[in-house]
């Protein structure tokens, strides 16, 4: 799994992340996004 570059954005702005997967069975995987802020645990966002 290879995520696109994130970046710096101002508050109120928008950003789209992408994640490209290798392999032929991508459609059989549930896919999700998580994040981890400094000093915090990794948290679930969406799937």
ModelCIF file with pLDDT and N, C-alpha, C, O atoms, coordinates in Angstrom:
data_MODEL
#
_entry.id   MODEL 
#
_entity.id                         1 
_entity.type                       polymer 
_entity.pdbx_number_of_molecules   1 
#
_entity_poly.entity_id                      1 
_entity_poly.type                           'polypeptide(L)' 
_entity_poly.nstd_linkage                   no 
_entity_poly.nstd_monomer                   no 
_entity_poly.pdbx_seq_one_letter_code       
;(UNK)(UNK)(UNK)(UNK)(UNK)(UNK)(UNK)(UNK)(UNK)(UNK)(UNK)(UNK)(UNK)(UNK)(UNK)(UNK)
(UNK)(UNK)(UNK)(UNK)(UNK)(UNK)(UNK)(UNK)(UNK)(UNK)(UNK)(UNK)(UNK)(UNK)(UNK)(UNK)
(UNK)(UNK)(UNK)(UNK)(UNK)(UNK)(UNK)(UNK)(UNK)(UNK)(UNK)(UNK)(UNK)(UNK)(UNK)
;
_entity_poly.pdbx_seq_one_letter_code_can   XXXXXXXXXXXXXXXXXXXXXXXXXXXXXXXXXXXXXXXXXXXXXXX 
_entity_poly.pdbx_strand_id                 A 
#
loop_
_entity_poly_seq.entity_id 
_entity_poly_seq.num 
_entity_poly_seq.mon_id 
_entity_poly_seq.hetero 
1 1  UNK n 
1 2  UNK n 
1 3  UNK n 
1 4  UNK n 
1 5  UNK n 
1 6  UNK n 
1 7  UNK n 
1 8  UNK n 
1 9  UNK n 
1 10 UNK n 
1 11 UNK n 
1 12 UNK n 
1 13 UNK n 
1 14 UNK n 
1 15 UNK n 
1 16 UNK n 
1 17 UNK n 
1 18 UNK n 
1 19 UNK n 
1 20 UNK n 
1 21 UNK n 
1 22 UNK n 
1 23 UNK n 
1 24 UNK n 
1 25 UNK n 
1 26 UNK n 
1 27 UNK n 
1 28 UNK n 
1 29 UNK n 
1 30 UNK n 
1 31 UNK n 
1 32 UNK n 
1 33 UNK n 
1 34 UNK n 
1 35 UNK n 
1 36 UNK n 
1 37 UNK n 
1 38 UNK n 
1 39 UNK n 
1 40 UNK n 
1 41 UNK n 
1 42 UNK n 
1 43 UNK n 
1 44 UNK n 
1 45 UNK n 
1 46 UNK n 
1 47 UNK n 
#
_struct_asym.id          A 
_struct_asym.entity_id   1 
#
loop_
_ma_qa_metric.id 
_ma_qa_metric.mode 
_ma_qa_metric.name 
_ma_qa_metric.software_group_id 
_ma_qa_metric.type 
1 global pLDDT . pLDDT 
2 local  pLDDT . pLDDT 
#
_ma_qa_metric_global.metric_id      1 
_ma_qa_metric_global.metric_value   95.96 
_ma_qa_metric_global.model_id       1 
_ma_qa_metric_global.ordinal_id     1 
#
loop_
_ma_qa_metric_local.label_asym_id 
_ma_qa_metric_local.label_comp_id 
_ma_qa_metric_local.label_seq_id 
_ma_qa_metric_local.metric_id 
_ma_qa_metric_local.metric_value 
_ma_qa_metric_local.model_id 
_ma_qa_metric_local.ordinal_id 
A UNK 1  2 97.00 1 1  
A UNK 2  2 96.00 1 2  
A UNK 3  2 96.00 1 3  
A UNK 4  2 94.00 1 4  
A UNK 5  2 93.00 1 5  
A UNK 6  2 94.00 1 6  
A UNK 7  2 94.00 1 7  
A UNK 8  2 97.00 1 8  
A UNK 9  2 98.00 1 9  
A UNK 10 2 98.00 1 10 
A UNK 11 2 98.00 1 11 
A UNK 12 2 97.00 1 12 
A UNK 13 2 98.00 1 13 
A UNK 14 2 98.00 1 14 
A UNK 15 2 98.00 1 15 
A UNK 16 2 98.00 1 16 
A UNK 17 2 98.00 1 17 
A UNK 18 2 98.00 1 18 
A UNK 19 2 98.00 1 19 
A UNK 20 2 98.00 1 20 
A UNK 21 2 97.00 1 21 
A UNK 22 2 95.00 1 22 
A UNK 23 2 84.00 1 23 
A UNK 24 2 83.00 1 24 
A UNK 25 2 91.00 1 25 
A UNK 26 2 93.00 1 26 
A UNK 27 2 93.00 1 27 
A UNK 28 2 94.00 1 28 
A UNK 29 2 96.00 1 29 
A UNK 30 2 97.00 1 30 
A UNK 31 2 97.00 1 31 
A UNK 32 2 98.00 1 32 
A UNK 33 2 98.00 1 33 
A UNK 34 2 98.00 1 34 
A UNK 35 2 98.00 1 35 
A UNK 36 2 98.00 1 36 
A UNK 37 2 97.00 1 37 
A UNK 38 2 93.00 1 38 
A UNK 39 2 95.00 1 39 
A UNK 40 2 97.00 1 40 
A UNK 41 2 97.00 1 41 
A UNK 42 2 97.00 1 42 
A UNK 43 2 97.00 1 43 
A UNK 44 2 97.00 1 44 
A UNK 45 2 98.00 1 45 
A UNK 46 2 98.00 1 46 
A UNK 47 2 98.00 1 47 
#
loop_
_atom_site.group_PDB 
_atom_site.id 
_atom_site.type_symbol 
_atom_site.label_atom_id 
_atom_site.label_alt_id 
_atom_site.label_comp_id 
_atom_site.label_asym_id 
_atom_site.label_entity_id 
_atom_site.label_seq_id 
_atom_site.pdbx_PDB_ins_code 
_atom_site.Cartn_x 
_atom_site.Cartn_y 
_atom_site.Cartn_z 
_atom_site.occupancy 
_atom_site.B_iso_or_equiv 
_atom_site.pdbx_formal_charge 
_atom_site.auth_seq_id 
_atom_site.auth_comp_id 
_atom_site.auth_asym_id 
_atom_site.auth_atom_id 
_atom_site.pdbx_PDB_model_num 
ATOM 1   N N  . UNK A 1 1  ? 0.853   -1.180 0.000  1.00 97.00 ? 1  UNK A N  1 
ATOM 2   C CA . UNK A 1 1  ? 0.000   0.000  0.000  1.00 97.00 ? 1  UNK A CA 1 
ATOM 3   C C  . UNK A 1 1  ? 0.892   1.234  0.000  1.00 97.00 ? 1  UNK A C  1 
ATOM 4   O O  . UNK A 1 1  ? 1.795   1.362  0.827  1.00 97.00 ? 1  UNK A O  1 
ATOM 5   N N  . UNK A 1 2  ? 0.630   2.134  -0.933 1.00 96.00 ? 2  UNK A N  1 
ATOM 6   C CA . UNK A 1 2  ? 1.449   3.343  -1.039 1.00 96.00 ? 2  UNK A CA 1 
ATOM 7   C C  . UNK A 1 2  ? 0.530   4.556  -1.034 1.00 96.00 ? 2  UNK A C  1 
ATOM 8   O O  . UNK A 1 2  ? -0.254  4.760  -1.960 1.00 96.00 ? 2  UNK A O  1 
ATOM 9   N N  . UNK A 1 3  ? 0.638   5.358  0.024  1.00 96.00 ? 3  UNK A N  1 
ATOM 10  C CA . UNK A 1 3  ? -0.187  6.555  0.126  1.00 96.00 ? 3  UNK A CA 1 
ATOM 11  C C  . UNK A 1 3  ? 0.410   7.691  -0.690 1.00 96.00 ? 3  UNK A C  1 
ATOM 12  O O  . UNK A 1 3  ? 1.621   7.756  -0.899 1.00 96.00 ? 3  UNK A O  1 
ATOM 13  N N  . UNK A 1 4  ? -0.444  8.565  -1.138 1.00 94.00 ? 4  UNK A N  1 
ATOM 14  C CA . UNK A 1 4  ? 0.018   9.779  -1.796 1.00 94.00 ? 4  UNK A CA 1 
ATOM 15  C C  . UNK A 1 4  ? 0.605   10.720 -0.761 1.00 94.00 ? 4  UNK A C  1 
ATOM 16  O O  . UNK A 1 4  ? 0.404   10.548 0.442  1.00 94.00 ? 4  UNK A O  1 
ATOM 17  N N  . UNK A 1 5  ? 1.323   11.703 -1.237 1.00 93.00 ? 5  UNK A N  1 
ATOM 18  C CA . UNK A 1 5  ? 1.884   12.692 -0.321 1.00 93.00 ? 5  UNK A CA 1 
ATOM 19  C C  . UNK A 1 5  ? 0.764   13.475 0.340  1.00 93.00 ? 5  UNK A C  1 
ATOM 20  O O  . UNK A 1 5  ? -0.225  13.831 -0.300 1.00 93.00 ? 5  UNK A O  1 
ATOM 21  N N  . UNK A 1 6  ? 0.931   13.738 1.633  1.00 94.00 ? 6  UNK A N  1 
ATOM 22  C CA . UNK A 1 6  ? -0.042  14.555 2.346  1.00 94.00 ? 6  UNK A CA 1 
ATOM 23  C C  . UNK A 1 6  ? 0.228   16.015 2.065  1.00 94.00 ? 6  UNK A C  1 
ATOM 24  O O  . UNK A 1 6  ? 0.142   16.462 0.921  1.00 94.00 ? 6  UNK A O  1 
ATOM 25  N N  . UNK A 1 7  ? 0.554   16.757 3.101  1.00 94.00 ? 7  UNK A N  1 
ATOM 26  C CA . UNK A 1 7  ? 0.912   18.138 2.875  1.00 94.00 ? 7  UNK A CA 1 
ATOM 27  C C  . UNK A 1 7  ? 0.452   19.056 3.961  1.00 94.00 ? 7  UNK A C  1 
ATOM 28  O O  . UNK A 1 7  ? -0.068  18.639 4.996  1.00 94.00 ? 7  UNK A O  1 
ATOM 29  N N  . UNK A 1 8  ? 0.660   20.332 3.693  1.00 97.00 ? 8  UNK A N  1 
ATOM 30  C CA . UNK A 1 8  ? 0.281   21.385 4.620  1.00 97.00 ? 8  UNK A CA 1 
ATOM 31  C C  . UNK A 1 8  ? -0.930  22.117 4.060  1.00 97.00 ? 8  UNK A C  1 
ATOM 32  O O  . UNK A 1 8  ? -0.933  22.530 2.900  1.00 97.00 ? 8  UNK A O  1 
ATOM 33  N N  . UNK A 1 9  ? -1.948  22.274 4.878  1.00 98.00 ? 9  UNK A N  1 
ATOM 34  C CA . UNK A 1 9  ? -3.171  22.947 4.446  1.00 98.00 ? 9  UNK A CA 1 
ATOM 35  C C  . UNK A 1 9  ? -3.652  23.851 5.564  1.00 98.00 ? 9  UNK A C  1 
ATOM 36  O O  . UNK A 1 9  ? -3.434  23.566 6.741  1.00 98.00 ? 9  UNK A O  1 
ATOM 37  N N  . UNK A 1 10 ? -4.299  24.928 5.199  1.00 98.00 ? 10 UNK A N  1 
ATOM 38  C CA . UNK A 1 10 ? -4.839  25.841 6.202  1.00 98.00 ? 10 UNK A CA 1 
ATOM 39  C C  . UNK A 1 10 ? -6.144  25.302 6.769  1.00 98.00 ? 10 UNK A C  1 
ATOM 40  O O  . UNK A 1 10 ? -6.868  24.555 6.112  1.00 98.00 ? 10 UNK A O  1 
ATOM 41  N N  . UNK A 1 11 ? -6.421  25.692 7.982  1.00 98.00 ? 11 UNK A N  1 
ATOM 42  C CA . UNK A 1 11 ? -7.676  25.302 8.610  1.00 98.00 ? 11 UNK A CA 1 
ATOM 43  C C  . UNK A 1 11 ? -8.845  25.735 7.736  1.00 98.00 ? 11 UNK A C  1 
ATOM 44  O O  . UNK A 1 11 ? -8.862  26.841 7.195  1.00 98.00 ? 11 UNK A O  1 
ATOM 45  N N  . UNK A 1 12 ? -9.814  24.847 7.609  1.00 97.00 ? 12 UNK A N  1 
ATOM 46  C CA . UNK A 1 12 ? -10.965 25.091 6.747  1.00 97.00 ? 12 UNK A CA 1 
ATOM 47  C C  . UNK A 1 12 ? -10.781 24.578 5.330  1.00 97.00 ? 12 UNK A C  1 
ATOM 48  O O  . UNK A 1 12 ? -11.735 24.531 4.554  1.00 97.00 ? 12 UNK A O  1 
ATOM 49  N N  . UNK A 1 13 ? -9.573  24.197 4.995  1.00 98.00 ? 13 UNK A N  1 
ATOM 50  C CA . UNK A 1 13 ? -9.289  23.714 3.657  1.00 98.00 ? 13 UNK A CA 1 
ATOM 51  C C  . UNK A 1 13 ? -9.609  22.241 3.480  1.00 98.00 ? 13 UNK A C  1 
ATOM 52  O O  . UNK A 1 13 ? -10.105 21.580 4.392  1.00 98.00 ? 13 UNK A O  1 
ATOM 53  N N  . UNK A 1 14 ? -9.315  21.742 2.288  1.00 98.00 ? 14 UNK A N  1 
ATOM 54  C CA . UNK A 1 14 ? -9.596  20.357 1.938  1.00 98.00 ? 14 UNK A CA 1 
ATOM 55  C C  . UNK A 1 14 ? -8.342  19.688 1.389  1.00 98.00 ? 14 UNK A C  1 
ATOM 56  O O  . UNK A 1 14 ? -7.419  20.338 0.898  1.00 98.00 ? 14 UNK A O  1 
ATOM 57  N N  . UNK A 1 15 ? -8.349  18.377 1.489  1.00 98.00 ? 15 UNK A N  1 
ATOM 58  C CA . UNK A 1 15 ? -7.232  17.594 0.972  1.00 98.00 ? 15 UNK A CA 1 
ATOM 59  C C  . UNK A 1 15 ? -7.755  16.206 0.646  1.00 98.00 ? 15 UNK A C  1 
ATOM 60  O O  . UNK A 1 15 ? -8.581  15.667 1.382  1.00 98.00 ? 15 UNK A O  1 
ATOM 61  N N  . UNK A 1 16 ? -7.285  15.623 -0.446 1.00 98.00 ? 16 UNK A N  1 
ATOM 62  C CA . UNK A 1 16 ? -7.649  14.249 -0.771 1.00 98.00 ? 16 UNK A CA 1 
ATOM 63  C C  . UNK A 1 16 ? -6.409  13.377 -0.752 1.00 98.00 ? 16 UNK A C  1 
ATOM 64  O O  . UNK A 1 16 ? -5.434  13.639 -1.455 1.00 98.00 ? 16 UNK A O  1 
ATOM 65  N N  . UNK A 1 17 ? -6.461  12.355 0.051  1.00 98.00 ? 17 UNK A N  1 
ATOM 66  C CA . UNK A 1 17 ? -5.404  11.349 0.082  1.00 98.00 ? 17 UNK A CA 1 
ATOM 67  C C  . UNK A 1 17 ? -5.802  10.169 -0.788 1.00 98.00 ? 17 UNK A C  1 
ATOM 68  O O  . UNK A 1 17 ? -6.980  9.837  -0.910 1.00 98.00 ? 17 UNK A O  1 
ATOM 69  N N  . UNK A 1 18 ? -4.816  9.554  -1.378 1.00 98.00 ? 18 UNK A N  1 
ATOM 70  C CA . UNK A 1 18 ? -5.062  8.319  -2.112 1.00 98.00 ? 18 UNK A CA 1 
ATOM 71  C C  . UNK A 1 18 ? -4.082  7.251  -1.658 1.00 98.00 ? 18 UNK A C  1 
ATOM 72  O O  . UNK A 1 18 ? -3.013  7.553  -1.128 1.00 98.00 ? 18 UNK A O  1 
ATOM 73  N N  . UNK A 1 19 ? -4.456  6.023  -1.870 1.00 98.00 ? 19 UNK A N  1 
ATOM 74  C CA . UNK A 1 19 ? -3.622  4.884  -1.477 1.00 98.00 ? 19 UNK A CA 1 
ATOM 75  C C  . UNK A 1 19 ? -3.736  3.846  -2.585 1.00 98.00 ? 19 UNK A C  1 
ATOM 76  O O  . UNK A 1 19 ? -4.813  3.306  -2.840 1.00 98.00 ? 19 UNK A O  1 
ATOM 77  N N  . UNK A 1 20 ? -2.628  3.581  -3.227 1.00 98.00 ? 20 UNK A N  1 
ATOM 78  C CA . UNK A 1 20 ? -2.594  2.611  -4.316 1.00 98.00 ? 20 UNK A CA 1 
ATOM 79  C C  . UNK A 1 20 ? -2.111  1.264  -3.799 1.00 98.00 ? 20 UNK A C  1 
ATOM 80  O O  . UNK A 1 20 ? -1.131  1.180  -3.058 1.00 98.00 ? 20 UNK A O  1 
ATOM 81  N N  . UNK A 1 21 ? -2.808  0.226  -4.198 1.00 97.00 ? 21 UNK A N  1 
ATOM 82  C CA . UNK A 1 21 ? -2.478  -1.129 -3.739 1.00 97.00 ? 21 UNK A CA 1 
ATOM 83  C C  . UNK A 1 21 ? -1.948  -1.976 -4.878 1.00 97.00 ? 21 UNK A C  1 
ATOM 84  O O  . UNK A 1 21 ? -2.409  -1.871 -6.015 1.00 97.00 ? 21 UNK A O  1 
ATOM 85  N N  . UNK A 1 22 ? -0.986  -2.806 -4.566 1.00 95.00 ? 22 UNK A N  1 
ATOM 86  C CA . UNK A 1 22 ? -0.493  -3.765 -5.545 1.00 95.00 ? 22 UNK A CA 1 
ATOM 87  C C  . UNK A 1 22 ? -1.337  -5.025 -5.469 1.00 95.00 ? 22 UNK A C  1 
ATOM 88  O O  . UNK A 1 22 ? -2.120  -5.195 -4.535 1.00 95.00 ? 22 UNK A O  1 
ATOM 89  N N  . UNK A 1 23 ? -1.184  -5.902 -6.440 1.00 84.00 ? 23 UNK A N  1 
ATOM 90  C CA . UNK A 1 23 ? -1.853  -7.188 -6.391 1.00 84.00 ? 23 UNK A CA 1 
ATOM 91  C C  . UNK A 1 23 ? -3.146  -7.230 -7.183 1.00 84.00 ? 23 UNK A C  1 
ATOM 92  O O  . UNK A 1 23 ? -3.669  -6.199 -7.607 1.00 84.00 ? 23 UNK A O  1 
ATOM 93  N N  . UNK A 1 24 ? -3.653  -8.447 -7.374 1.00 83.00 ? 24 UNK A N  1 
ATOM 94  C CA . UNK A 1 24 ? -4.821  -8.651 -8.223 1.00 83.00 ? 24 UNK A CA 1 
ATOM 95  C C  . UNK A 1 24 ? -6.101  -8.856 -7.435 1.00 83.00 ? 24 UNK A C  1 
ATOM 96  O O  . UNK A 1 24 ? -7.175  -9.009 -8.016 1.00 83.00 ? 24 UNK A O  1 
ATOM 97  N N  . UNK A 1 25 ? -5.991  -8.858 -6.112 1.00 91.00 ? 25 UNK A N  1 
ATOM 98  C CA . UNK A 1 25 ? -7.164  -9.166 -5.300 1.00 91.00 ? 25 UNK A CA 1 
ATOM 99  C C  . UNK A 1 25 ? -7.659  -7.964 -4.520 1.00 91.00 ? 25 UNK A C  1 
ATOM 100 O O  . UNK A 1 25 ? -8.320  -8.122 -3.494 1.00 91.00 ? 25 UNK A O  1 
ATOM 101 N N  . UNK A 1 26 ? -7.350  -6.777 -4.987 1.00 93.00 ? 26 UNK A N  1 
ATOM 102 C CA . UNK A 1 26 ? -7.707  -5.552 -4.268 1.00 93.00 ? 26 UNK A CA 1 
ATOM 103 C C  . UNK A 1 26 ? -9.198  -5.526 -3.944 1.00 93.00 ? 26 UNK A C  1 
ATOM 104 O O  . UNK A 1 26 ? -9.575  -5.147 -2.835 1.00 93.00 ? 26 UNK A O  1 
ATOM 105 N N  . UNK A 1 27 ? -10.037 -5.914 -4.869 1.00 93.00 ? 27 UNK A N  1 
ATOM 106 C CA . UNK A 1 27 ? -11.479 -5.798 -4.678 1.00 93.00 ? 27 UNK A CA 1 
ATOM 107 C C  . UNK A 1 27 ? -11.975 -6.666 -3.529 1.00 93.00 ? 27 UNK A C  1 
ATOM 108 O O  . UNK A 1 27 ? -13.073 -6.438 -3.020 1.00 93.00 ? 27 UNK A O  1 
ATOM 109 N N  . UNK A 1 28 ? -11.200 -7.645 -3.115 1.00 94.00 ? 28 UNK A N  1 
ATOM 110 C CA . UNK A 1 28 ? -11.622 -8.547 -2.039 1.00 94.00 ? 28 UNK A CA 1 
ATOM 111 C C  . UNK A 1 28 ? -11.217 -8.048 -0.657 1.00 94.00 ? 28 UNK A C  1 
ATOM 112 O O  . UNK A 1 28 ? -11.538 -8.668 0.357  1.00 94.00 ? 28 UNK A O  1 
ATOM 113 N N  . UNK A 1 29 ? -10.513 -6.930 -0.626 1.00 96.00 ? 29 UNK A N  1 
ATOM 114 C CA . UNK A 1 29 ? -10.089 -6.355 0.642  1.00 96.00 ? 29 UNK A CA 1 
ATOM 115 C C  . UNK A 1 29 ? -11.002 -5.208 1.047  1.00 96.00 ? 29 UNK A C  1 
ATOM 116 O O  . UNK A 1 29 ? -11.349 -4.355 0.231  1.00 96.00 ? 29 UNK A O  1 
ATOM 117 N N  . UNK A 1 30 ? -11.384 -5.201 2.316  1.00 97.00 ? 30 UNK A N  1 
ATOM 118 C CA . UNK A 1 30 ? -11.906 -3.970 2.884  1.00 97.00 ? 30 UNK A CA 1 
ATOM 119 C C  . UNK A 1 30 ? -10.722 -3.024 3.058  1.00 97.00 ? 30 UNK A C  1 
ATOM 120 O O  . UNK A 1 30 ? -9.624  -3.450 3.415  1.00 97.00 ? 30 UNK A O  1 
ATOM 121 N N  . UNK A 1 31 ? -10.952 -1.748 2.806  1.00 97.00 ? 31 UNK A N  1 
ATOM 122 C CA . UNK A 1 31 ? -9.882  -0.758 2.899  1.00 97.00 ? 31 UNK A CA 1 
ATOM 123 C C  . UNK A 1 31 ? -10.269 0.308  3.913  1.00 97.00 ? 31 UNK A C  1 
ATOM 124 O O  . UNK A 1 31 ? -11.442 0.651  4.056  1.00 97.00 ? 31 UNK A O  1 
ATOM 125 N N  . UNK A 1 32 ? -9.278  0.818  4.606  1.00 98.00 ? 32 UNK A N  1 
ATOM 126 C CA . UNK A 1 32 ? -9.592  1.804  5.634  1.00 98.00 ? 32 UNK A CA 1 
ATOM 127 C C  . UNK A 1 32 ? -8.493  2.842  5.782  1.00 98.00 ? 32 UNK A C  1 
ATOM 128 O O  . UNK A 1 32 ? -7.395  2.712  5.241  1.00 98.00 ? 32 UNK A O  1 
ATOM 129 N N  . UNK A 1 33 ? -8.832  3.870  6.533  1.00 98.00 ? 33 UNK A N  1 
ATOM 130 C CA . UNK A 1 33 ? -7.887  4.934  6.872  1.00 98.00 ? 33 UNK A CA 1 
ATOM 131 C C  . UNK A 1 33 ? -7.845  5.103  8.387  1.00 98.00 ? 33 UNK A C  1 
ATOM 132 O O  . UNK A 1 33 ? -8.863  5.058  9.078  1.00 98.00 ? 33 UNK A O  1 
ATOM 133 N N  . UNK A 1 34 ? -6.626  5.298  8.867  1.00 98.00 ? 34 UNK A N  1 
ATOM 134 C CA . UNK A 1 34 ? -6.364  5.562  10.276 1.00 98.00 ? 34 UNK A CA 1 
ATOM 135 C C  . UNK A 1 34 ? -5.446  6.781  10.362 1.00 98.00 ? 34 UNK A C  1 
ATOM 136 O O  . UNK A 1 34 ? -4.892  7.215  9.352  1.00 98.00 ? 34 UNK A O  1 
ATOM 137 N N  . UNK A 1 35 ? -5.290  7.320  11.543 1.00 98.00 ? 35 UNK A N  1 
ATOM 138 C CA . UNK A 1 35 ? -4.299  8.380  11.734 1.00 98.00 ? 35 UNK A CA 1 
ATOM 139 C C  . UNK A 1 35 ? -3.708  8.279  13.130 1.00 98.00 ? 35 UNK A C  1 
ATOM 140 O O  . UNK A 1 35 ? -4.288  7.698  14.047 1.00 98.00 ? 35 UNK A O  1 
ATOM 141 N N  . UNK A 1 36 ? -2.528  8.874  13.248 1.00 98.00 ? 36 UNK A N  1 
ATOM 142 C CA . UNK A 1 36 ? -1.856  8.901  14.540 1.00 98.00 ? 36 UNK A CA 1 
ATOM 143 C C  . UNK A 1 36 ? -1.211  10.262 14.725 1.00 98.00 ? 36 UNK A C  1 
ATOM 144 O O  . UNK A 1 36 ? -0.312  10.656 13.981 1.00 98.00 ? 36 UNK A O  1 
ATOM 145 N N  . UNK A 1 37 ? -1.691  10.963 15.732 1.00 97.00 ? 37 UNK A N  1 
ATOM 146 C CA . UNK A 1 37 ? -1.132  12.268 16.085 1.00 97.00 ? 37 UNK A CA 1 
ATOM 147 C C  . UNK A 1 37 ? 0.005   12.071 17.085 1.00 97.00 ? 37 UNK A C  1 
ATOM 148 O O  . UNK A 1 37 ? 0.067   11.043 17.758 1.00 97.00 ? 37 UNK A O  1 
ATOM 149 N N  . UNK A 1 38 ? 0.897   13.045 17.184 1.00 93.00 ? 38 UNK A N  1 
ATOM 150 C CA . UNK A 1 38 ? 2.025   12.917 18.130 1.00 93.00 ? 38 UNK A CA 1 
ATOM 151 C C  . UNK A 1 38 ? 1.536   12.667 19.548 1.00 93.00 ? 38 UNK A C  1 
ATOM 152 O O  . UNK A 1 38 ? 0.667   13.377 20.053 1.00 93.00 ? 38 UNK A O  1 
ATOM 153 N N  . UNK A 1 39 ? 2.100   11.660 20.176 1.00 95.00 ? 39 UNK A N  1 
ATOM 154 C CA . UNK A 1 39 ? 1.756   11.354 21.548 1.00 95.00 ? 39 UNK A CA 1 
ATOM 155 C C  . UNK A 1 39 ? 0.420   10.669 21.739 1.00 95.00 ? 39 UNK A C  1 
ATOM 156 O O  . UNK A 1 39 ? -0.019  10.469 22.872 1.00 95.00 ? 39 UNK A O  1 
ATOM 157 N N  . UNK A 1 40 ? -0.237  10.303 20.640 1.00 97.00 ? 40 UNK A N  1 
ATOM 158 C CA . UNK A 1 40 ? -1.555  9.661  20.750 1.00 97.00 ? 40 UNK A CA 1 
ATOM 159 C C  . UNK A 1 40 ? -1.533  8.299  20.079 1.00 97.00 ? 40 UNK A C  1 
ATOM 160 O O  . UNK A 1 40 ? -0.635  7.983  19.299 1.00 97.00 ? 40 UNK A O  1 
ATOM 161 N N  . UNK A 1 41 ? -2.539  7.503  20.399 1.00 97.00 ? 41 UNK A N  1 
ATOM 162 C CA . UNK A 1 41 ? -2.660  6.199  19.776 1.00 97.00 ? 41 UNK A CA 1 
ATOM 163 C C  . UNK A 1 41 ? -3.231  6.342  18.366 1.00 97.00 ? 41 UNK A C  1 
ATOM 164 O O  . UNK A 1 41 ? -3.897  7.323  18.035 1.00 97.00 ? 41 UNK A O  1 
ATOM 165 N N  . UNK A 1 42 ? -2.950  5.349  17.565 1.00 97.00 ? 42 UNK A N  1 
ATOM 166 C CA . UNK A 1 42 ? -3.527  5.326  16.227 1.00 97.00 ? 42 UNK A CA 1 
ATOM 167 C C  . UNK A 1 42 ? -5.037  5.144  16.345 1.00 97.00 ? 42 UNK A C  1 
ATOM 168 O O  . UNK A 1 42 ? -5.520  4.333  17.135 1.00 97.00 ? 42 UNK A O  1 
ATOM 169 N N  . UNK A 1 43 ? -5.769  5.914  15.547 1.00 97.00 ? 43 UNK A N  1 
ATOM 170 C CA . UNK A 1 43 ? -7.224  5.853  15.632 1.00 97.00 ? 43 UNK A CA 1 
ATOM 171 C C  . UNK A 1 43 ? -7.841  5.576  14.263 1.00 97.00 ? 43 UNK A C  1 
ATOM 172 O O  . UNK A 1 43 ? -7.328  5.978  13.219 1.00 97.00 ? 43 UNK A O  1 
ATOM 173 N N  . UNK A 1 44 ? -8.950  4.880  14.323 1.00 97.00 ? 44 UNK A N  1 
ATOM 174 C CA . UNK A 1 44 ? -9.720  4.549  13.123 1.00 97.00 ? 44 UNK A CA 1 
ATOM 175 C C  . UNK A 1 44 ? -10.459 5.775  12.625 1.00 97.00 ? 44 UNK A C  1 
ATOM 176 O O  . UNK A 1 44 ? -10.973 6.564  13.418 1.00 97.00 ? 44 UNK A O  1 
ATOM 177 N N  . UNK A 1 45 ? -10.514 5.938  11.298 1.00 98.00 ? 45 UNK A N  1 
ATOM 178 C CA . UNK A 1 45 ? -11.253 7.041  10.694 1.00 98.00 ? 45 UNK A CA 1 
ATOM 179 C C  . UNK A 1 45 ? -12.424 6.553  9.853  1.00 98.00 ? 45 UNK A C  1 
ATOM 180 O O  . UNK A 1 45 ? -13.568 6.945  10.082 1.00 98.00 ? 45 UNK A O  1 
ATOM 181 N N  . UNK A 1 46 ? -12.135 5.701  8.884  1.00 98.00 ? 46 UNK A N  1 
ATOM 182 C CA . UNK A 1 46 ? -13.165 5.302  7.926  1.00 98.00 ? 46 UNK A CA 1 
ATOM 183 C C  . UNK A 1 46 ? -12.751 4.004  7.248  1.00 98.00 ? 46 UNK A C  1 
ATOM 184 O O  . UNK A 1 46 ? -11.568 3.674  7.174  1.00 98.00 ? 46 UNK A O  1 
ATOM 185 N N  . UNK A 1 47 ? -13.744 3.279  6.758  1.00 98.00 ? 47 UNK A N  1 
ATOM 186 C CA . UNK A 1 47 ? -13.472 2.042  6.029  1.00 98.00 ? 47 UNK A CA 1 
ATOM 187 C C  . UNK A 1 47 ? -14.538 1.833  4.977  1.00 98.00 ? 47 UNK A C  1 
ATOM 188 O O  . UNK A 1 47 ? -14.498 0.843  4.246  1.00 98.00 ? 47 UNK A O  1 
#
